[in-house]
Amino acid sequence: MLERVYEECLFYELKKTNLKVERQVKLPIVYEDVILSYGYRIDLLIEDKLVVELKASEYLQSLYTAQTLTYMKLINAKLGLLINFNVTLLKDGIKRIINGKL
């Protein structure tokens, strides 16, 4: 399935637990005094602390880890999850990413 389908389902499941969850959170790029309207989008942001990036890829590329870490740095989040749904067992598709020391 497409990443958007997994995103929609995961968003729904997380909302049922009464967590604060936001989808497609826009992150504008600020350069000097200019705010560039085109920026990044976080797939899911949970409780304003946890960045969740979703993939449906044959394998997790290092680029995906860098992308997730960039989002985390932009909002000063300490923890991120990179989740690949294109695996036999979901636990094998989850990568925990830490920004700095906890």
PDB file of N, CA and C in Angstrom:
ATOM      1  N   MET A   1       0.831  -1.187   0.000  1.00  0.00           N
ATOM      2  CA  MET A   1       0.000   0.000   0.000  1.00  0.00           C
ATOM      3  C   MET A   1       0.874   1.249   0.000  1.00  0.00           C
ATOM      4  N   LEU A   2       0.262   2.356  -0.250  1.00  0.00           N
ATOM      5  CA  LEU A   2       0.972   3.635  -0.246  1.00  0.00           C
ATOM      6  C   LEU A   2       1.190   4.136   1.174  1.00  0.00           C
ATOM      7  N   GLU A   3       2.220   4.945   1.347  1.00  0.00           N
ATOM      8  CA  GLU A   3       2.536   5.507   2.671  1.00  0.00           C
ATOM      9  C   GLU A   3       1.345   6.274   3.244  1.00  0.00           C
ATOM     10  N   ARG A   4       0.611   6.977   2.408  1.00  0.00           N
ATOM     11  CA  ARG A   4      -0.519   7.786   2.878  1.00  0.00           C
ATOM     12  C   ARG A   4      -1.590   6.919   3.533  1.00  0.00           C
ATOM     13  N   VAL A   5      -1.777   5.713   3.037  1.00  0.00           N
ATOM     14  CA  VAL A   5      -2.770   4.808   3.616  1.00  0.00           C
ATOM     15  C   VAL A   5      -2.331   4.402   5.013  1.00  0.00           C
ATOM     16  N   TYR A   6      -1.063   4.042   5.167  1.00  0.00           N
ATOM     17  CA  TYR A   6      -0.540   3.684   6.488  1.00  0.00           C
ATOM     18  C   TYR A   6      -0.617   4.878   7.433  1.00  0.00           C
ATOM     19  N   GLU A   7      -0.312   6.057   6.911  1.00  0.00           N
ATOM     20  CA  GLU A   7      -0.375   7.273   7.725  1.00  0.00           C
ATOM     21  C   GLU A   7      -1.789   7.504   8.246  1.00  0.00           C
ATOM     22  N   GLU A   8      -2.757   7.390   7.379  1.00  0.00           N
ATOM     23  CA  GLU A   8      -4.154   7.607   7.763  1.00  0.00           C
ATOM     24  C   GLU A   8      -4.585   6.612   8.836  1.00  0.00           C
ATOM     25  N   CYS A   9      -4.236   5.352   8.658  1.00  0.00           N
ATOM     26  CA  CYS A   9      -4.625   4.311   9.623  1.00  0.00           C
ATOM     27  C   CYS A   9      -3.924   4.504  10.967  1.00  0.00           C
ATOM     28  N   LEU A  10      -2.625   4.805  10.934  1.00  0.00           N
ATOM     29  CA  LEU A  10      -1.884   5.009  12.176  1.00  0.00           C
ATOM     30  C   LEU A  10      -2.392   6.252  12.904  1.00  0.00           C
ATOM     31  N   PHE A  11      -2.673   7.307  12.162  1.00  0.00           N
ATOM     32  CA  PHE A  11      -3.240   8.525  12.747  1.00  0.00           C
ATOM     33  C   PHE A  11      -4.549   8.199  13.469  1.00  0.00           C
ATOM     34  N   TYR A  12      -5.407   7.457  12.810  1.00  0.00           N
ATOM     35  CA  TYR A  12      -6.691   7.066  13.385  1.00  0.00           C
ATOM     36  C   TYR A  12      -6.504   6.274  14.677  1.00  0.00           C
ATOM     37  N   GLU A  13      -5.618   5.298  14.654  1.00  0.00           N
ATOM     38  CA  GLU A  13      -5.376   4.461  15.830  1.00  0.00           C
ATOM     39  C   GLU A  13      -4.798   5.270  16.994  1.00  0.00           C
ATOM     40  N   LEU A  14      -3.881   6.174  16.702  1.00  0.00           N
ATOM     41  CA  LEU A  14      -3.281   6.997  17.757  1.00  0.00           C
ATOM     42  C   LEU A  14      -4.300   7.976  18.350  1.00  0.00           C
ATOM     43  N   LYS A  15      -5.159   8.537  17.510  1.00  0.00           N
ATOM     44  CA  LYS A  15      -6.190   9.464  18.002  1.00  0.00           C
ATOM     45  C   LYS A  15      -7.146   8.750  18.958  1.00  0.00           C
ATOM     46  N   LYS A  16      -7.404   7.474  18.719  1.00  0.00           N
ATOM     47  CA  LYS A  16      -8.297   6.708  19.592  1.00  0.00           C
ATOM     48  C   LYS A  16      -7.733   6.576  21.002  1.00  0.00           C
ATOM     49  N   THR A  17      -6.427   6.737  21.164  1.00  0.00           N
ATOM     50  CA  THR A  17      -5.798   6.628  22.482  1.00  0.00           C
ATOM     51  C   THR A  17      -5.747   7.970  23.198  1.00  0.00           C
ATOM     52  N   ASN A  18      -6.341   8.997  22.584  1.00  0.00           N
ATOM     53  CA  ASN A  18      -6.374  10.355  23.136  1.00  0.00           C
ATOM     54  C   ASN A  18      -5.013  11.038  23.188  1.00  0.00           C
ATOM     55  N   LEU A  19      -4.087  10.592  22.367  1.00  0.00           N
ATOM     56  CA  LEU A  19      -2.815  11.297  22.234  1.00  0.00           C
ATOM     57  C   LEU A  19      -3.010  12.502  21.324  1.00  0.00           C
ATOM     58  N   LYS A  20      -2.208  13.533  21.538  1.00  0.00           N
ATOM     59  CA  LYS A  20      -2.215  14.667  20.618  1.00  0.00           C
ATOM     60  C   LYS A  20      -1.382  14.254  19.407  1.00  0.00           C
ATOM     61  N   VAL A  21      -2.034  14.128  18.265  1.00  0.00           N
ATOM     62  CA  VAL A  21      -1.363  13.700  17.045  1.00  0.00           C
ATOM     63  C   VAL A  21      -1.694  14.670  15.928  1.00  0.00           C
ATOM     64  N   GLU A  22      -0.662  15.098  15.203  1.00  0.00           N
ATOM     65  CA  GLU A  22      -0.840  15.980  14.059  1.00  0.00           C
ATOM     66  C   GLU A  22      -0.274  15.293  12.822  1.00  0.00           C
ATOM     67  N   ARG A  23      -0.950  15.490  11.690  1.00  0.00           N
ATOM     68  CA  ARG A  23      -0.502  14.915  10.416  1.00  0.00           C
ATOM     69  C   ARG A  23       0.039  16.006   9.503  1.00  0.00           C
ATOM     70  N   GLN A  24       1.033  15.631   8.722  1.00  0.00           N
ATOM     71  CA  GLN A  24       1.587  16.521   7.701  1.00  0.00           C
ATOM     72  C   GLN A  24       1.891  17.903   8.248  1.00  0.00           C
ATOM     73  N   VAL A  25       2.657  17.935   9.323  1.00  0.00           N
ATOM     74  CA  VAL A  25       3.031  19.185   9.989  1.00  0.00           C
ATOM     75  C   VAL A  25       4.055  19.923   9.128  1.00  0.00           C
ATOM     76  N   LYS A  26       3.701  21.121   8.719  1.00  0.00           N
ATOM     77  CA  LYS A  26       4.568  21.919   7.849  1.00  0.00           C
ATOM     78  C   LYS A  26       5.721  22.519   8.642  1.00  0.00           C
ATOM     79  N   LEU A  27       6.901  22.427   8.067  1.00  0.00           N
ATOM     80  CA  LEU A  27       8.103  23.033   8.650  1.00  0.00           C
ATOM     81  C   LEU A  27       8.698  23.977   7.613  1.00  0.00           C
ATOM     82  N   PRO A  28       8.402  25.263   7.705  1.00  0.00           N
ATOM     83  CA  PRO A  28       8.973  26.198   6.736  1.00  0.00           C
ATOM     84  C   PRO A  28      10.473  26.336   6.958  1.00  0.00           C
ATOM     85  N   ILE A  29      11.151  26.732   5.933  1.00  0.00           N
ATOM     86  CA  ILE A  29      12.587  26.955   6.008  1.00  0.00           C
ATOM     87  C   ILE A  29      12.820  28.447   6.221  1.00  0.00           C
ATOM     88  N   VAL A  30      13.635  28.779   7.224  1.00  0.00           N
ATOM     89  CA  VAL A  30      13.963  30.175   7.508  1.00  0.00           C
ATOM     90  C   VAL A  30      15.411  30.407   7.096  1.00  0.00           C
ATOM     91  N   TYR A  31      15.596  31.356   6.184  1.00  0.00           N
ATOM     92  CA  TYR A  31      16.930  31.724   5.721  1.00  0.00           C
ATOM     93  C   TYR A  31      17.100  33.211   5.978  1.00  0.00           C
ATOM     94  N   GLU A  32      18.029  33.532   6.887  1.00  0.00           N
ATOM     95  CA  GLU A  32      18.221  34.899   7.342  1.00  0.00           C
ATOM     96  C   GLU A  32      16.874  35.436   7.824  1.00  0.00           C
ATOM     97  N   ASP A  33      16.325  36.458   7.181  1.00  0.00           N
ATOM     98  CA  ASP A  33      15.031  37.005   7.598  1.00  0.00           C
ATOM     99  C   ASP A  33      13.894  36.565   6.683  1.00  0.00           C
ATOM    100  N   VAL A  34      14.175  35.615   5.819  1.00  0.00           N
ATOM    101  CA  VAL A  34      13.187  35.181   4.842  1.00  0.00           C
ATOM    102  C   VAL A  34      12.623  33.818   5.242  1.00  0.00           C
ATOM    103  N   ILE A  35      11.306  33.721   5.223  1.00  0.00           N
ATOM    104  CA  ILE A  35      10.655  32.433   5.477  1.00  0.00           C
ATOM    105  C   ILE A  35      10.221  31.873   4.133  1.00  0.00           C
ATOM    106  N   LEU A  36      10.810  30.760   3.773  1.00  0.00           N
ATOM    107  CA  LEU A  36      10.479  30.123   2.505  1.00  0.00           C
ATOM    108  C   LEU A  36       9.252  29.244   2.703  1.00  0.00           C
ATOM    109  N   SER A  37       8.246  29.479   1.889  1.00  0.00           N
ATOM    110  CA  SER A  37       6.984  28.752   2.075  1.00  0.00           C
ATOM    111  C   SER A  37       7.152  27.261   1.834  1.00  0.00           C
ATOM    112  N   TYR A  38       8.028  26.892   0.915  1.00  0.00           N
ATOM    113  CA  TYR A  38       8.251  25.472   0.691  1.00  0.00           C
ATOM    114  C   TYR A  38       9.221  24.980   1.748  1.00  0.00           C
ATOM    115  N   GLY A  39       8.815  24.014   2.456  1.00  0.00           N
ATOM    116  CA  GLY A  39       9.672  23.440   3.484  1.00  0.00           C
ATOM    117  C   GLY A  39       9.453  21.955   3.565  1.00  0.00           C
ATOM    118  N   TYR A  40       9.543  21.455   4.747  1.00  0.00           N
ATOM    119  CA  TYR A  40       9.378  20.030   4.982  1.00  0.00           C
ATOM    120  C   TYR A  40       8.015  19.762   5.611  1.00  0.00           C
ATOM    121  N   ARG A  41       7.638  18.499   5.607  1.00  0.00           N
ATOM    122  CA  ARG A  41       6.405  18.061   6.268  1.00  0.00           C
ATOM    123  C   ARG A  41       6.683  16.802   7.076  1.00  0.00           C
ATOM    124  N   ILE A  42       6.348  16.863   8.344  1.00  0.00           N
ATOM    125  CA  ILE A  42       6.467  15.696   9.215  1.00  0.00           C
ATOM    126  C   ILE A  42       5.216  14.853   9.011  1.00  0.00           C
ATOM    127  N   ASP A  43       5.387  13.561   8.767  1.00  0.00           N
ATOM    128  CA  ASP A  43       4.222  12.689   8.567  1.00  0.00           C
ATOM    129  C   ASP A  43       3.309  12.730   9.788  1.00  0.00           C
ATOM    130  N   LEU A  44       3.862  12.398  10.951  1.00  0.00           N
ATOM    131  CA  LEU A  44       3.093  12.435  12.196  1.00  0.00           C
ATOM    132  C   LEU A  44       3.943  13.064  13.295  1.00  0.00           C
ATOM    133  N   LEU A  45       3.330  13.919  14.088  1.00  0.00           N
ATOM    134  CA  LEU A  45       3.977  14.504  15.260  1.00  0.00           C
ATOM    135  C   LEU A  45       3.097  14.171  16.454  1.00  0.00           C
ATOM    136  N   ILE A  46       3.672  13.449  17.406  1.00  0.00           N
ATOM    137  CA  ILE A  46       2.906  12.974  18.553  1.00  0.00           C
ATOM    138  C   ILE A  46       3.324  13.735  19.801  1.00  0.00           C
ATOM    139  N   GLU A  47       2.313  14.332  20.460  1.00  0.00           N
ATOM    140  CA  GLU A  47       2.514  15.078  21.704  1.00  0.00           C
ATOM    141  C   GLU A  47       3.588  16.159  21.567  1.00  0.00           C
ATOM    142  N   ASP A  48       3.748  16.718  20.390  1.00  0.00           N
ATOM    143  CA  ASP A  48       4.746  17.766  20.104  1.00  0.00           C
ATOM    144  C   ASP A  48       6.167  17.329  20.424  1.00  0.00           C
ATOM    145  N   LYS A  49       6.413  16.023  20.549  1.00  0.00           N
ATOM    146  CA  LYS A  49       7.726  15.527  20.965  1.00  0.00           C
ATOM    147  C   LYS A  49       8.297  14.446  20.072  1.00  0.00           C
ATOM    148  N   LEU A  50       7.451  13.611  19.517  1.00  0.00           N
ATOM    149  CA  LEU A  50       7.909  12.443  18.770  1.00  0.00           C
ATOM    150  C   LEU A  50       7.618  12.619  17.287  1.00  0.00           C
ATOM    151  N   VAL A  51       8.680  12.619  16.479  1.00  0.00           N
ATOM    152  CA  VAL A  51       8.568  12.715  15.035  1.00  0.00           C
ATOM    153  C   VAL A  51       8.463  11.296  14.481  1.00  0.00           C
ATOM    154  N   VAL A  52       7.437  11.066  13.661  1.00  0.00           N
ATOM    155  CA  VAL A  52       7.258   9.751  13.047  1.00  0.00           C
ATOM    156  C   VAL A  52       7.264   9.928  11.534  1.00  0.00           C
ATOM    157  N   GLU A  53       8.220   9.294  10.894  1.00  0.00           N
ATOM    158  CA  GLU A  53       8.331   9.323   9.438  1.00  0.00           C
ATOM    159  C   GLU A  53       7.973   7.940   8.928  1.00  0.00           C
ATOM    160  N   LEU A  54       7.044   7.880   7.984  1.00  0.00           N
ATOM    161  CA  LEU A  54       6.539   6.602   7.485  1.00  0.00           C
ATOM    162  C   LEU A  54       7.032   6.340   6.069  1.00  0.00           C
ATOM    163  N   LYS A  55       7.375   5.085   5.829  1.00  0.00           N
ATOM    164  CA  LYS A  55       7.831   4.651   4.512  1.00  0.00           C
ATOM    165  C   LYS A  55       7.180   3.326   4.161  1.00  0.00           C
ATOM    166  N   ALA A  56       7.115   3.064   2.864  1.00  0.00           N
ATOM    167  CA  ALA A  56       6.696   1.759   2.353  1.00  0.00           C
ATOM    168  C   ALA A  56       7.697   1.418   1.262  1.00  0.00           C
ATOM    169  N   SER A  57       8.911   1.139   1.703  1.00  0.00           N
ATOM    170  CA  SER A  57      10.042   0.984   0.807  1.00  0.00           C
ATOM    171  C   SER A  57      10.647  -0.411   0.934  1.00  0.00           C
ATOM    172  N   GLU A  58      11.342  -0.829  -0.108  1.00  0.00           N
ATOM    173  CA  GLU A  58      11.972  -2.148  -0.082  1.00  0.00           C
ATOM    174  C   GLU A  58      12.976  -2.253   1.068  1.00  0.00           C
ATOM    175  N   TYR A  59      13.682  -1.168   1.331  1.00  0.00           N
ATOM    176  CA  TYR A  59      14.599  -1.118   2.470  1.00  0.00           C
ATOM    177  C   TYR A  59      14.756   0.333   2.907  1.00  0.00           C
ATOM    178  N   LEU A  60      15.196   0.535   4.141  1.00  0.00           N
ATOM    179  CA  LEU A  60      15.388   1.881   4.675  1.00  0.00           C
ATOM    180  C   LEU A  60      16.745   2.414   4.236  1.00  0.00           C
ATOM    181  N   GLN A  61      16.727   3.467   3.489  1.00  0.00           N
ATOM    182  CA  GLN A  61      17.951   4.105   3.035  1.00  0.00           C
ATOM    183  C   GLN A  61      18.452   5.072   4.114  1.00  0.00           C
ATOM    184  N   SER A  62      19.738   5.336   4.116  1.00  0.00           N
ATOM    185  CA  SER A  62      20.305   6.280   5.084  1.00  0.00           C
ATOM    186  C   SER A  62      19.710   7.674   4.884  1.00  0.00           C
ATOM    187  N   LEU A  63      19.263   7.964   3.680  1.00  0.00           N
ATOM    188  CA  LEU A  63      18.620   9.243   3.387  1.00  0.00           C
ATOM    189  C   LEU A  63      17.371   9.435   4.244  1.00  0.00           C
ATOM    190  N   TYR A  64      16.624   8.368   4.482  1.00  0.00           N
ATOM    191  CA  TYR A  64      15.410   8.456   5.300  1.00  0.00           C
ATOM    192  C   TYR A  64      15.748   8.798   6.747  1.00  0.00           C
ATOM    193  N   THR A  65      16.839   8.230   7.236  1.00  0.00           N
ATOM    194  CA  THR A  65      17.285   8.540   8.599  1.00  0.00           C
ATOM    195  C   THR A  65      17.687  10.009   8.688  1.00  0.00           C
ATOM    196  N   ALA A  66      18.433  10.481   7.694  1.00  0.00           N
ATOM    197  CA  ALA A  66      18.851  11.888   7.669  1.00  0.00           C
ATOM    198  C   ALA A  66      17.641  12.813   7.584  1.00  0.00           C
ATOM    199  N   GLN A  67      16.650  12.444   6.803  1.00  0.00           N
ATOM    200  CA  GLN A  67      15.422  13.231   6.670  1.00  0.00           C
ATOM    201  C   GLN A  67      14.708  13.344   8.017  1.00  0.00           C
ATOM    202  N   THR A  68      14.561  12.228   8.695  1.00  0.00           N
ATOM    203  CA  THR A  68      13.898  12.219   9.997  1.00  0.00           C
ATOM    204  C   THR A  68      14.670  13.049  11.007  1.00  0.00           C
ATOM    205  N   LEU A  69      15.985  12.900  11.028  1.00  0.00           N
ATOM    206  CA  LEU A  69      16.831  13.655  11.952  1.00  0.00           C
ATOM    207  C   LEU A  69      16.745  15.156  11.664  1.00  0.00           C
ATOM    208  N   THR A  70      16.651  15.534  10.409  1.00  0.00           N
ATOM    209  CA  THR A  70      16.496  16.948  10.053  1.00  0.00           C
ATOM    210  C   THR A  70      15.212  17.513  10.643  1.00  0.00           C
ATOM    211  N   TYR A  71      14.112  16.783  10.504  1.00  0.00           N
ATOM    212  CA  TYR A  71      12.843  17.222  11.084  1.00  0.00           C
ATOM    213  C   TYR A  71      12.968  17.385  12.591  1.00  0.00           C
ATOM    214  N   MET A  72      13.621  16.420  13.214  1.00  0.00           N
ATOM    215  CA  MET A  72      13.790  16.453  14.667  1.00  0.00           C
ATOM    216  C   MET A  72      14.584  17.676  15.095  1.00  0.00           C
ATOM    217  N   LYS A  73      15.641  17.978  14.368  1.00  0.00           N
ATOM    218  CA  LYS A  73      16.469  19.135  14.698  1.00  0.00           C
ATOM    219  C   LYS A  73      15.699  20.436  14.515  1.00  0.00           C
ATOM    220  N   LEU A  74      14.883  20.511  13.470  1.00  0.00           N
ATOM    221  CA  LEU A  74      14.133  21.738  13.196  1.00  0.00           C
ATOM    222  C   LEU A  74      13.111  22.060  14.274  1.00  0.00           C
ATOM    223  N   ILE A  75      12.576  21.042  14.941  1.00  0.00           N
ATOM    224  CA  ILE A  75      11.595  21.309  16.011  1.00  0.00           C
ATOM    225  C   ILE A  75      12.172  21.011  17.389  1.00  0.00           C
ATOM    226  N   ASN A  76      13.461  20.692  17.437  1.00  0.00           N
ATOM    227  CA  ASN A  76      14.158  20.390  18.685  1.00  0.00           C
ATOM    228  C   ASN A  76      13.554  19.175  19.408  1.00  0.00           C
ATOM    229  N   ALA A  77      13.224  18.154  18.644  1.00  0.00           N
ATOM    230  CA  ALA A  77      12.701  16.910  19.216  1.00  0.00           C
ATOM    231  C   ALA A  77      13.857  15.976  19.536  1.00  0.00           C
ATOM    232  N   LYS A  78      13.745  15.252  20.607  1.00  0.00           N
ATOM    233  CA  LYS A  78      14.808  14.330  21.024  1.00  0.00           C
ATOM    234  C   LYS A  78      14.651  12.939  20.429  1.00  0.00           C
ATOM    235  N   LEU A  79      13.416  12.564  20.068  1.00  0.00           N
ATOM    236  CA  LEU A  79      13.180  11.188  19.640  1.00  0.00           C
ATOM    237  C   LEU A  79      12.355  11.141  18.364  1.00  0.00           C
ATOM    238  N   GLY A  80      12.729  10.207  17.486  1.00  0.00           N
ATOM    239  CA  GLY A  80      11.996  10.003  16.244  1.00  0.00           C
ATOM    240  C   GLY A  80      11.876   8.522  15.944  1.00  0.00           C
ATOM    241  N   LEU A  81      10.867   8.191  15.183  1.00  0.00           N
ATOM    242  CA  LEU A  81      10.688   6.824  14.706  1.00  0.00           C
ATOM    243  C   LEU A  81      10.586   6.854  13.189  1.00  0.00           C
ATOM    244  N   LEU A  82      11.369   6.013  12.560  1.00  0.00           N
ATOM    245  CA  LEU A  82      11.293   5.808  11.125  1.00  0.00           C
ATOM    246  C   LEU A  82      10.678   4.433  10.945  1.00  0.00           C
ATOM    247  N   ILE A  83       9.494   4.384  10.361  1.00  0.00           N
ATOM    248  CA  ILE A  83       8.756   3.126  10.267  1.00  0.00           C
ATOM    249  C   ILE A  83       8.564   2.754   8.805  1.00  0.00           C
ATOM    250  N   ASN A  84       9.050   1.570   8.449  1.00  0.00           N
ATOM    251  CA  ASN A  84       8.883   1.034   7.104  1.00  0.00           C
ATOM    252  C   ASN A  84       7.835  -0.077   7.160  1.00  0.00           C
ATOM    253  N   PHE A  85       6.749   0.105   6.432  1.00  0.00           N
ATOM    254  CA  PHE A  85       5.672  -0.874   6.451  1.00  0.00           C
ATOM    255  C   PHE A  85       5.860  -1.984   5.418  1.00  0.00           C
ATOM    256  N   ASN A  86       6.858  -1.887   4.584  1.00  0.00           N
ATOM    257  CA  ASN A  86       7.084  -2.904   3.560  1.00  0.00           C
ATOM    258  C   ASN A  86       8.006  -4.005   4.093  1.00  0.00           C
ATOM    259  N   VAL A  87       7.608  -4.617   5.196  1.00  0.00           N
ATOM    260  CA  VAL A  87       8.356  -5.709   5.823  1.00  0.00           C
ATOM    261  C   VAL A  87       7.376  -6.803   6.239  1.00  0.00           C
ATOM    262  N   THR A  88       7.895  -8.002   6.435  1.00  0.00           N
ATOM    263  CA  THR A  88       7.042  -9.109   6.857  1.00  0.00           C
ATOM    264  C   THR A  88       6.570  -8.908   8.284  1.00  0.00           C
ATOM    265  N   LEU A  89       7.492  -8.557   9.179  1.00  0.00           N
ATOM    266  CA  LEU A  89       7.165  -8.272  10.577  1.00  0.00           C
ATOM    267  C   LEU A  89       7.404  -6.787  10.833  1.00  0.00           C
ATOM    268  N   LEU A  90       6.391  -6.093  11.303  1.00  0.00           N
ATOM    269  CA  LEU A  90       6.504  -4.646  11.505  1.00  0.00           C
ATOM    270  C   LEU A  90       7.668  -4.283  12.414  1.00  0.00           C
ATOM    271  N   LYS A  91       7.940  -5.098  13.432  1.00  0.00           N
ATOM    272  CA  LYS A  91       9.036  -4.780  14.360  1.00  0.00           C
ATOM    273  C   LYS A  91      10.379  -4.670  13.631  1.00  0.00           C
ATOM    274  N   ASP A  92      10.506  -5.349  12.501  1.00  0.00           N
ATOM    275  CA  ASP A  92      11.744  -5.277  11.718  1.00  0.00           C
ATOM    276  C   ASP A  92      11.835  -3.992  10.896  1.00  0.00           C
ATOM    277  N   GLY A  93      10.739  -3.260  10.796  1.00  0.00           N
ATOM    278  CA  GLY A  93      10.720  -2.031  10.011  1.00  0.00           C
ATOM    279  C   GLY A  93      10.758  -0.768  10.842  1.00  0.00           C
ATOM    280  N   ILE A  94      10.998  -0.897  12.145  1.00  0.00           N
ATOM    281  CA  ILE A  94      11.013   0.272  13.028  1.00  0.00           C
ATOM    282  C   ILE A  94      12.432   0.630  13.434  1.00  0.00           C
ATOM    283  N   LYS A  95      12.785   1.879  13.187  1.00  0.00           N
ATOM    284  CA  LYS A  95      14.103   2.372  13.573  1.00  0.00           C
ATOM    285  C   LYS A  95      13.920   3.564  14.501  1.00  0.00           C
ATOM    286  N   ARG A  96      14.529   3.488  15.668  1.00  0.00           N
ATOM    287  CA  ARG A  96      14.477   4.582  16.650  1.00  0.00           C
ATOM    288  C   ARG A  96      15.654   5.505  16.392  1.00  0.00           C
ATOM    289  N   ILE A  97      15.386   6.806  16.384  1.00  0.00           N
ATOM    290  CA  ILE A  97      16.421   7.802  16.107  1.00  0.00           C
ATOM    291  C   ILE A  97      16.464   8.784  17.264  1.00  0.00           C
ATOM    292  N   ILE A  98      17.660   9.030  17.759  1.00  0.00           N
ATOM    293  CA  ILE A  98      17.835   9.936  18.897  1.00  0.00           C
ATOM    294  C   ILE A  98      18.621  11.167  18.428  1.00  0.00           C
ATOM    295  N   ASN A  99      18.116  12.342  18.773  1.00  0.00           N
ATOM    296  CA  ASN A  99      18.749  13.611  18.466  1.00  0.00           C
ATOM    297  C   ASN A  99      19.478  14.089  19.712  1.00  0.00           C
ATOM    298  N   GLY A 100      20.778  13.948  19.734  1.00  0.00           N
ATOM    299  CA  GLY A 100      21.550  14.343  20.908  1.00  0.00           C
ATOM    300  C   GLY A 100      21.459  13.310  21.998  1.00  0.00           C
ATOM    301  N   LYS A 101      21.786  13.688  23.205  1.00  0.00           N
ATOM    302  CA  LYS A 101      21.775  12.756  24.331  1.00  0.00           C
ATOM    303  C   LYS A 101      20.494  12.903  25.137  1.00  0.00           C
ATOM    304  N   LEU A 102      19.945  11.781  25.548  1.00  0.00           N
ATOM    305  CA  LEU A 102      18.764  11.803  26.403  1.00  0.00           C
ATOM    306  C   LEU A 102      19.169  11.742  27.852  1.00  0.00           C
TER     307      LEU A 102
END
